[in-house]
Amino acid sequence: MTTTKGSLKAYSSSENGVREFCAGCGTGLFYRNAKMLPGIVDIQTGTLDNPDQLPARCNIQTAERLSWLVGADDLPSFERYPPHE
């Protein structure tokens, strides 16, 4: 993992969780939790230069998801909102 601009700032968001973000603009970049997720770095997908190169392979943290999110992929979708006719 490499950041190409700016500097990182870390914030302890819970007993074991650490969130890293850009010190200049505040954009969230990484999340680490050595106790719950040893060796894993959660990288915010929206910060990648080409996020299409890393498609999702699973859903995680579903125990806390809102019940109406099940089947959300079946809802109508719009490239832009509000839709223009």
PDB file of N, CA and C in Angstrom:
ATOM      1  N   MET A   1       0.853  -1.160   0.000  1.00  0.00           N
ATOM      2  CA  MET A   1       0.000   0.000   0.000  1.00  0.00           C
ATOM      3  C   MET A   1       0.901   1.226   0.000  1.00  0.00           C
ATOM      4  N   THR A   2       0.596   2.134  -0.906  1.00  0.00           N
ATOM      5  CA  THR A   2       1.411   3.341  -1.032  1.00  0.00           C
ATOM      6  C   THR A   2       0.516   4.557  -1.187  1.00  0.00           C
ATOM      7  N   THR A   3       0.797   5.583  -0.428  1.00  0.00           N
ATOM      8  CA  THR A   3       0.124   6.857  -0.649  1.00  0.00           C
ATOM      9  C   THR A   3       1.079   7.719  -1.469  1.00  0.00           C
ATOM     10  N   THR A   4       0.546   8.429  -2.443  1.00  0.00           N
ATOM     11  CA  THR A   4       1.392   9.181  -3.363  1.00  0.00           C
ATOM     12  C   THR A   4       1.446  10.672  -3.067  1.00  0.00           C
ATOM     13  N   LYS A   5       0.542  11.161  -2.242  1.00  0.00           N
ATOM     14  CA  LYS A   5       0.513  12.585  -1.911  1.00  0.00           C
ATOM     15  C   LYS A   5       0.104  12.766  -0.463  1.00  0.00           C
ATOM     16  N   GLY A   6       0.535  13.859   0.122  1.00  0.00           N
ATOM     17  CA  GLY A   6       0.099  14.205   1.469  1.00  0.00           C
ATOM     18  C   GLY A   6       0.726  13.339   2.533  1.00  0.00           C
ATOM     19  N   SER A   7       0.216  13.492   3.740  1.00  0.00           N
ATOM     20  CA  SER A   7       0.702  12.703   4.862  1.00  0.00           C
ATOM     21  C   SER A   7      -0.482  12.094   5.599  1.00  0.00           C
ATOM     22  N   LEU A   8      -0.222  10.976   6.266  1.00  0.00           N
ATOM     23  CA  LEU A   8      -1.272  10.275   6.993  1.00  0.00           C
ATOM     24  C   LEU A   8      -1.347  10.750   8.430  1.00  0.00           C
ATOM     25  N   LYS A   9      -2.549  10.701   8.947  1.00  0.00           N
ATOM     26  CA  LYS A   9      -2.787  10.982  10.347  1.00  0.00           C
ATOM     27  C   LYS A   9      -3.625   9.810  10.871  1.00  0.00           C
ATOM     28  N   ALA A  10      -3.353   9.349  12.071  1.00  0.00           N
ATOM     29  CA  ALA A  10      -4.067   8.209  12.635  1.00  0.00           C
ATOM     30  C   ALA A  10      -4.977   8.649  13.774  1.00  0.00           C
ATOM     31  N   TYR A  11      -6.091   7.933  13.917  1.00  0.00           N
ATOM     32  CA  TYR A  11      -7.065   8.197  14.962  1.00  0.00           C
ATOM     33  C   TYR A  11      -7.513   6.862  15.546  1.00  0.00           C
ATOM     34  N   SER A  12      -7.404   6.702  16.852  1.00  0.00           N
ATOM     35  CA  SER A  12      -7.889   5.485  17.510  1.00  0.00           C
ATOM     36  C   SER A  12      -9.391   5.613  17.672  1.00  0.00           C
ATOM     37  N   SER A  13     -10.127   4.910  16.827  1.00  0.00           N
ATOM     38  CA  SER A  13     -11.582   5.058  16.817  1.00  0.00           C
ATOM     39  C   SER A  13     -12.292   4.117  17.786  1.00  0.00           C
ATOM     40  N   SER A  14     -11.567   3.148  18.322  1.00  0.00           N
ATOM     41  CA  SER A  14     -12.115   2.235  19.317  1.00  0.00           C
ATOM     42  C   SER A  14     -10.936   1.638  20.085  1.00  0.00           C
ATOM     43  N   GLU A  15     -11.218   0.711  20.968  1.00  0.00           N
ATOM     44  CA  GLU A  15     -10.151   0.126  21.787  1.00  0.00           C
ATOM     45  C   GLU A  15      -9.029  -0.464  20.929  1.00  0.00           C
ATOM     46  N   ASN A  16      -9.379  -1.120  19.834  1.00  0.00           N
ATOM     47  CA  ASN A  16      -8.377  -1.772  18.987  1.00  0.00           C
ATOM     48  C   ASN A  16      -8.323  -1.227  17.568  1.00  0.00           C
ATOM     49  N   GLY A  17      -9.281  -0.402  17.195  1.00  0.00           N
ATOM     50  CA  GLY A  17      -9.358   0.098  15.827  1.00  0.00           C
ATOM     51  C   GLY A  17      -8.596   1.392  15.617  1.00  0.00           C
ATOM     52  N   VAL A  18      -7.895   1.467  14.497  1.00  0.00           N
ATOM     53  CA  VAL A  18      -7.168   2.678  14.123  1.00  0.00           C
ATOM     54  C   VAL A  18      -7.570   3.044  12.707  1.00  0.00           C
ATOM     55  N   ARG A  19      -7.995   4.269  12.529  1.00  0.00           N
ATOM     56  CA  ARG A  19      -8.350   4.791  11.210  1.00  0.00           C
ATOM     57  C   ARG A  19      -7.281   5.775  10.788  1.00  0.00           C
ATOM     58  N   GLU A  20      -6.848   5.659   9.523  1.00  0.00           N
ATOM     59  CA  GLU A  20      -5.865   6.588   8.995  1.00  0.00           C
ATOM     60  C   GLU A  20      -6.519   7.410   7.899  1.00  0.00           C
ATOM     61  N   PHE A  21      -6.183   8.680   7.871  1.00  0.00           N
ATOM     62  CA  PHE A  21      -6.801   9.591   6.920  1.00  0.00           C
ATOM     63  C   PHE A  21      -5.768  10.607   6.462  1.00  0.00           C
ATOM     64  N   CYS A  22      -6.089  11.317   5.382  1.00  0.00           N
ATOM     65  CA  CYS A  22      -5.213  12.355   4.863  1.00  0.00           C
ATOM     66  C   CYS A  22      -5.215  13.524   5.846  1.00  0.00           C
ATOM     67  N   ALA A  23      -4.024  13.915   6.283  1.00  0.00           N
ATOM     68  CA  ALA A  23      -3.912  15.018   7.235  1.00  0.00           C
ATOM     69  C   ALA A  23      -4.329  16.350   6.615  1.00  0.00           C
ATOM     70  N   GLY A  24      -4.254  16.464   5.292  1.00  0.00           N
ATOM     71  CA  GLY A  24      -4.596  17.710   4.618  1.00  0.00           C
ATOM     72  C   GLY A  24      -6.074  17.910   4.374  1.00  0.00           C
ATOM     73  N   CYS A  25      -6.754  16.872   3.838  1.00  0.00           N
ATOM     74  CA  CYS A  25      -8.161  17.041   3.456  1.00  0.00           C
ATOM     75  C   CYS A  25      -9.140  16.241   4.307  1.00  0.00           C
ATOM     76  N   GLY A  26      -8.634  15.296   5.092  1.00  0.00           N
ATOM     77  CA  GLY A  26      -9.498  14.512   5.971  1.00  0.00           C
ATOM     78  C   GLY A  26     -10.110  13.274   5.354  1.00  0.00           C
ATOM     79  N   THR A  27      -9.780  12.960   4.099  1.00  0.00           N
ATOM     80  CA  THR A  27     -10.336  11.774   3.452  1.00  0.00           C
ATOM     81  C   THR A  27      -9.891  10.511   4.184  1.00  0.00           C
ATOM     82  N   GLY A  28     -10.857   9.656   4.546  1.00  0.00           N
ATOM     83  CA  GLY A  28     -10.537   8.383   5.174  1.00  0.00           C
ATOM     84  C   GLY A  28      -9.827   7.468   4.183  1.00  0.00           C
ATOM     85  N   LEU A  29      -8.767   6.806   4.614  1.00  0.00           N
ATOM     86  CA  LEU A  29      -7.980   5.961   3.720  1.00  0.00           C
ATOM     87  C   LEU A  29      -7.911   4.505   4.174  1.00  0.00           C
ATOM     88  N   PHE A  30      -7.525   4.268   5.432  1.00  0.00           N
ATOM     89  CA  PHE A  30      -7.287   2.902   5.891  1.00  0.00           C
ATOM     90  C   PHE A  30      -7.907   2.667   7.265  1.00  0.00           C
ATOM     91  N   TYR A  31      -8.238   1.400   7.525  1.00  0.00           N
ATOM     92  CA  TYR A  31      -8.701   0.983   8.850  1.00  0.00           C
ATOM     93  C   TYR A  31      -7.937  -0.271   9.222  1.00  0.00           C
ATOM     94  N   ARG A  32      -7.456  -0.320  10.453  1.00  0.00           N
ATOM     95  CA  ARG A  32      -6.741  -1.491  10.958  1.00  0.00           C
ATOM     96  C   ARG A  32      -7.293  -1.850  12.338  1.00  0.00           C
ATOM     97  N   ASN A  33      -7.342  -3.151  12.601  1.00  0.00           N
ATOM     98  CA  ASN A  33      -7.708  -3.641  13.918  1.00  0.00           C
ATOM     99  C   ASN A  33      -6.906  -4.923  14.136  1.00  0.00           C
ATOM    100  N   ALA A  34      -5.742  -4.790  14.756  1.00  0.00           N
ATOM    101  CA  ALA A  34      -4.822  -5.912  14.906  1.00  0.00           C
ATOM    102  C   ALA A  34      -5.413  -7.061  15.715  1.00  0.00           C
ATOM    103  N   LYS A  35      -6.330  -6.768  16.626  1.00  0.00           N
ATOM    104  CA  LYS A  35      -6.931  -7.833  17.444  1.00  0.00           C
ATOM    105  C   LYS A  35      -7.986  -8.608  16.653  1.00  0.00           C
ATOM    106  N   MET A  36      -8.900  -7.898  15.994  1.00  0.00           N
ATOM    107  CA  MET A  36     -10.000  -8.549  15.278  1.00  0.00           C
ATOM    108  C   MET A  36      -9.617  -8.990  13.862  1.00  0.00           C
ATOM    109  N   LEU A  37      -8.727  -8.240  13.230  1.00  0.00           N
ATOM    110  CA  LEU A  37      -8.351  -8.507  11.834  1.00  0.00           C
ATOM    111  C   LEU A  37      -6.830  -8.475  11.688  1.00  0.00           C
ATOM    112  N   PRO A  38      -6.122  -9.407  12.352  1.00  0.00           N
ATOM    113  CA  PRO A  38      -4.654  -9.360  12.305  1.00  0.00           C
ATOM    114  C   PRO A  38      -4.126  -9.483  10.872  1.00  0.00           C
ATOM    115  N   GLY A  39      -3.217  -8.573  10.509  1.00  0.00           N
ATOM    116  CA  GLY A  39      -2.598  -8.611   9.194  1.00  0.00           C
ATOM    117  C   GLY A  39      -3.445  -8.041   8.071  1.00  0.00           C
ATOM    118  N   ILE A  40      -4.623  -7.514   8.380  1.00  0.00           N
ATOM    119  CA  ILE A  40      -5.528  -7.000   7.351  1.00  0.00           C
ATOM    120  C   ILE A  40      -5.609  -5.481   7.443  1.00  0.00           C
ATOM    121  N   VAL A  41      -5.562  -4.828   6.285  1.00  0.00           N
ATOM    122  CA  VAL A  41      -5.765  -3.388   6.198  1.00  0.00           C
ATOM    123  C   VAL A  41      -6.985  -3.170   5.320  1.00  0.00           C
ATOM    124  N   ASP A  42      -8.000  -2.506   5.848  1.00  0.00           N
ATOM    125  CA  ASP A  42      -9.191  -2.161   5.083  1.00  0.00           C
ATOM    126  C   ASP A  42      -8.882  -0.860   4.349  1.00  0.00           C
ATOM    127  N   ILE A  43      -8.860  -0.912   3.021  1.00  0.00           N
ATOM    128  CA  ILE A  43      -8.563   0.260   2.203  1.00  0.00           C
ATOM    129  C   ILE A  43      -9.868   0.790   1.630  1.00  0.00           C
ATOM    130  N   GLN A  44     -10.132   2.068   1.807  1.00  0.00           N
ATOM    131  CA  GLN A  44     -11.352   2.676   1.278  1.00  0.00           C
ATOM    132  C   GLN A  44     -11.310   2.655  -0.244  1.00  0.00           C
ATOM    133  N   THR A  45     -12.197   1.898  -0.858  1.00  0.00           N
ATOM    134  CA  THR A  45     -12.200   1.669  -2.300  1.00  0.00           C
ATOM    135  C   THR A  45     -12.230   2.957  -3.109  1.00  0.00           C
ATOM    136  N   GLY A  46     -12.959   3.945  -2.658  1.00  0.00           N
ATOM    137  CA  GLY A  46     -13.084   5.197  -3.395  1.00  0.00           C
ATOM    138  C   GLY A  46     -11.783   5.978  -3.502  1.00  0.00           C
ATOM    139  N   THR A  47     -10.770   5.581  -2.755  1.00  0.00           N
ATOM    140  CA  THR A  47      -9.492   6.295  -2.806  1.00  0.00           C
ATOM    141  C   THR A  47      -8.521   5.682  -3.810  1.00  0.00           C
ATOM    142  N   LEU A  48      -8.876   4.553  -4.402  1.00  0.00           N
ATOM    143  CA  LEU A  48      -7.985   3.891  -5.355  1.00  0.00           C
ATOM    144  C   LEU A  48      -8.011   4.592  -6.705  1.00  0.00           C
ATOM    145  N   ASP A  49      -6.885   4.579  -7.410  1.00  0.00           N
ATOM    146  CA  ASP A  49      -6.828   5.171  -8.746  1.00  0.00           C
ATOM    147  C   ASP A  49      -7.746   4.444  -9.718  1.00  0.00           C
ATOM    148  N   ASN A  50      -7.858   3.126  -9.594  1.00  0.00           N
ATOM    149  CA  ASN A  50      -8.703   2.341 -10.489  1.00  0.00           C
ATOM    150  C   ASN A  50      -9.434   1.263  -9.685  1.00  0.00           C
ATOM    151  N   PRO A  51     -10.504   1.627  -8.977  1.00  0.00           N
ATOM    152  CA  PRO A  51     -11.200   0.658  -8.138  1.00  0.00           C
ATOM    153  C   PRO A  51     -11.847  -0.492  -8.920  1.00  0.00           C
ATOM    154  N   ASP A  52     -12.084  -0.317 -10.220  1.00  0.00           N
ATOM    155  CA  ASP A  52     -12.657  -1.409 -11.020  1.00  0.00           C
ATOM    156  C   ASP A  52     -11.729  -2.611 -11.094  1.00  0.00           C
ATOM    157  N   GLN A  53     -10.446  -2.434 -10.808  1.00  0.00           N
ATOM    158  CA  GLN A  53      -9.502  -3.549 -10.844  1.00  0.00           C
ATOM    159  C   GLN A  53      -9.665  -4.480  -9.643  1.00  0.00           C
ATOM    160  N   LEU A  54     -10.396  -4.054  -8.636  1.00  0.00           N
ATOM    161  CA  LEU A  54     -10.600  -4.868  -7.433  1.00  0.00           C
ATOM    162  C   LEU A  54     -12.088  -5.026  -7.142  1.00  0.00           C
ATOM    163  N   PRO A  55     -12.800  -5.823  -7.940  1.00  0.00           N
ATOM    164  CA  PRO A  55     -14.241  -5.976  -7.710  1.00  0.00           C
ATOM    165  C   PRO A  55     -14.532  -6.711  -6.403  1.00  0.00           C
ATOM    166  N   ALA A  56     -15.678  -6.423  -5.833  1.00  0.00           N
ATOM    167  CA  ALA A  56     -16.102  -7.081  -4.597  1.00  0.00           C
ATOM    168  C   ALA A  56     -16.230  -8.576  -4.818  1.00  0.00           C
ATOM    169  N   ARG A  57     -15.832  -9.352  -3.801  1.00  0.00           N
ATOM    170  CA  ARG A  57     -15.943 -10.808  -3.876  1.00  0.00           C
ATOM    171  C   ARG A  57     -16.857 -11.370  -2.791  1.00  0.00           C
ATOM    172  N   CYS A  58     -17.260 -10.515  -1.860  1.00  0.00           N
ATOM    173  CA  CYS A  58     -18.148 -10.981  -0.801  1.00  0.00           C
ATOM    174  C   CYS A  58     -18.762  -9.782  -0.096  1.00  0.00           C
ATOM    175  N   ASN A  59     -19.768 -10.044   0.731  1.00  0.00           N
ATOM    176  CA  ASN A  59     -20.364  -9.042   1.611  1.00  0.00           C
ATOM    177  C   ASN A  59     -19.889  -9.340   3.019  1.00  0.00           C
ATOM    178  N   ILE A  60     -19.486  -8.307   3.758  1.00  0.00           N
ATOM    179  CA  ILE A  60     -19.020  -8.508   5.130  1.00  0.00           C
ATOM    180  C   ILE A  60     -19.836  -7.657   6.090  1.00  0.00           C
ATOM    181  N   GLN A  61     -19.703  -7.955   7.377  1.00  0.00           N
ATOM    182  CA  GLN A  61     -20.399  -7.236   8.441  1.00  0.00           C
ATOM    183  C   GLN A  61     -21.915  -7.248   8.227  1.00  0.00           C
ATOM    184  N   THR A  62     -22.436  -8.354   7.724  1.00  0.00           N
ATOM    185  CA  THR A  62     -23.860  -8.426   7.423  1.00  0.00           C
ATOM    186  C   THR A  62     -24.727  -8.582   8.681  1.00  0.00           C
ATOM    187  N   ALA A  63     -24.124  -8.906   9.804  1.00  0.00           N
ATOM    188  CA  ALA A  63     -24.911  -9.057  11.042  1.00  0.00           C
ATOM    189  C   ALA A  63     -25.570  -7.738  11.442  1.00  0.00           C
ATOM    190  N   GLU A  64     -24.948  -6.617  11.106  1.00  0.00           N
ATOM    191  CA  GLU A  64     -25.485  -5.314  11.481  1.00  0.00           C
ATOM    192  C   GLU A  64     -26.178  -4.591  10.334  1.00  0.00           C
ATOM    193  N   ARG A  65     -26.259  -5.223   9.174  1.00  0.00           N
ATOM    194  CA  ARG A  65     -26.826  -4.501   8.034  1.00  0.00           C
ATOM    195  C   ARG A  65     -28.324  -4.287   8.210  1.00  0.00           C
ATOM    196  N   LEU A  66     -28.808  -3.213   7.636  1.00  0.00           N
ATOM    197  CA  LEU A  66     -30.235  -2.928   7.675  1.00  0.00           C
ATOM    198  C   LEU A  66     -30.993  -4.012   6.913  1.00  0.00           C
ATOM    199  N   SER A  67     -32.124  -4.418   7.419  1.00  0.00           N
ATOM    200  CA  SER A  67     -32.868  -5.527   6.822  1.00  0.00           C
ATOM    201  C   SER A  67     -33.261  -5.240   5.371  1.00  0.00           C
ATOM    202  N   TRP A  68     -33.514  -3.979   5.028  1.00  0.00           N
ATOM    203  CA  TRP A  68     -33.959  -3.663   3.667  1.00  0.00           C
ATOM    204  C   TRP A  68     -32.818  -3.688   2.650  1.00  0.00           C
ATOM    205  N   LEU A  69     -31.581  -3.851   3.104  1.00  0.00           N
ATOM    206  CA  LEU A  69     -30.470  -3.962   2.153  1.00  0.00           C
ATOM    207  C   LEU A  69     -30.418  -5.334   1.479  1.00  0.00           C
ATOM    208  N   VAL A  70     -31.039  -6.340   2.108  1.00  0.00           N
ATOM    209  CA  VAL A  70     -31.107  -7.651   1.466  1.00  0.00           C
ATOM    210  C   VAL A  70     -31.951  -7.502   0.207  1.00  0.00           C
ATOM    211  N   GLY A  71     -31.413  -7.837  -0.936  1.00  0.00           N
ATOM    212  CA  GLY A  71     -32.132  -7.704  -2.194  1.00  0.00           C
ATOM    213  C   GLY A  71     -32.047  -6.324  -2.816  1.00  0.00           C
ATOM    214  N   ALA A  72     -31.244  -5.422  -2.262  1.00  0.00           N
ATOM    215  CA  ALA A  72     -31.148  -4.063  -2.790  1.00  0.00           C
ATOM    216  C   ALA A  72     -30.665  -4.041  -4.237  1.00  0.00           C
ATOM    217  N   ASP A  73     -29.921  -5.053  -4.654  1.00  0.00           N
ATOM    218  CA  ASP A  73     -29.459  -5.103  -6.049  1.00  0.00           C
ATOM    219  C   ASP A  73     -30.612  -5.265  -7.033  1.00  0.00           C
ATOM    220  N   ASP A  74     -31.770  -5.709  -6.544  1.00  0.00           N
ATOM    221  CA  ASP A  74     -32.932  -5.898  -7.414  1.00  0.00           C
ATOM    222  C   ASP A  74     -33.755  -4.617  -7.593  1.00  0.00           C
ATOM    223  N   LEU A  75     -33.428  -3.562  -6.869  1.00  0.00           N
ATOM    224  CA  LEU A  75     -34.157  -2.299  -6.986  1.00  0.00           C
ATOM    225  C   LEU A  75     -33.788  -1.574  -8.281  1.00  0.00           C
ATOM    226  N   PRO A  76     -34.652  -0.693  -8.768  1.00  0.00           N
ATOM    227  CA  PRO A  76     -34.297   0.099  -9.951  1.00  0.00           C
ATOM    228  C   PRO A  76     -33.022   0.892  -9.672  1.00  0.00           C
ATOM    229  N   SER A  77     -32.218   1.084 -10.701  1.00  0.00           N
ATOM    230  CA  SER A  77     -31.006   1.878 -10.542  1.00  0.00           C
ATOM    231  C   SER A  77     -30.960   2.974 -11.591  1.00  0.00           C
ATOM    232  N   PHE A  78     -30.303   4.057 -11.257  1.00  0.00           N
ATOM    233  CA  PHE A  78     -30.222   5.222 -12.132  1.00  0.00           C
ATOM    234  C   PHE A  78     -28.759   5.647 -12.237  1.00  0.00           C
ATOM    235  N   GLU A  79     -28.301   5.906 -13.451  1.00  0.00           N
ATOM    236  CA  GLU A  79     -26.915   6.360 -13.614  1.00  0.00           C
ATOM    237  C   GLU A  79     -26.702   7.706 -12.958  1.00  0.00           C
ATOM    238  N   ARG A  80     -27.682   8.550 -12.978  1.00  0.00           N
ATOM    239  CA  ARG A  80     -27.636   9.857 -12.319  1.00  0.00           C
ATOM    240  C   ARG A  80     -28.988  10.076 -11.652  1.00  0.00           C
ATOM    241  N   TYR A  81     -29.001  10.834 -10.575  1.00  0.00           N
ATOM    242  CA  TYR A  81     -30.255  11.143  -9.917  1.00  0.00           C
ATOM    243  C   TYR A  81     -30.343  12.638  -9.705  1.00  0.00           C
ATOM    244  N   PRO A  82     -31.424  13.260  -9.968  1.00  0.00           N
ATOM    245  CA  PRO A  82     -32.663  12.625 -10.436  1.00  0.00           C
ATOM    246  C   PRO A  82     -32.552  12.240 -11.906  1.00  0.00           C
ATOM    247  N   PRO A  83     -33.313  11.190 -12.270  1.00  0.00           N
ATOM    248  CA  PRO A  83     -33.256  10.762 -13.678  1.00  0.00           C
ATOM    249  C   PRO A  83     -33.804  11.846 -14.608  1.00  0.00           C
ATOM    250  N   HIS A  84     -33.173  12.008 -15.735  1.00  0.00           N
ATOM    251  CA  HIS A  84     -33.634  12.988 -16.734  1.00  0.00           C
ATOM    252  C   HIS A  84     -34.340  12.256 -17.863  1.00  0.00           C
ATOM    253  N   GLU A  85     -35.447  12.794 -18.299  1.00  0.00           N
ATOM    254  CA  GLU A  85     -36.195  12.159 -19.398  1.00  0.00           C
ATOM    255  C   GLU A  85     -35.929  12.853 -20.703  1.00  0.00           C
TER     256      GLU A  85
END
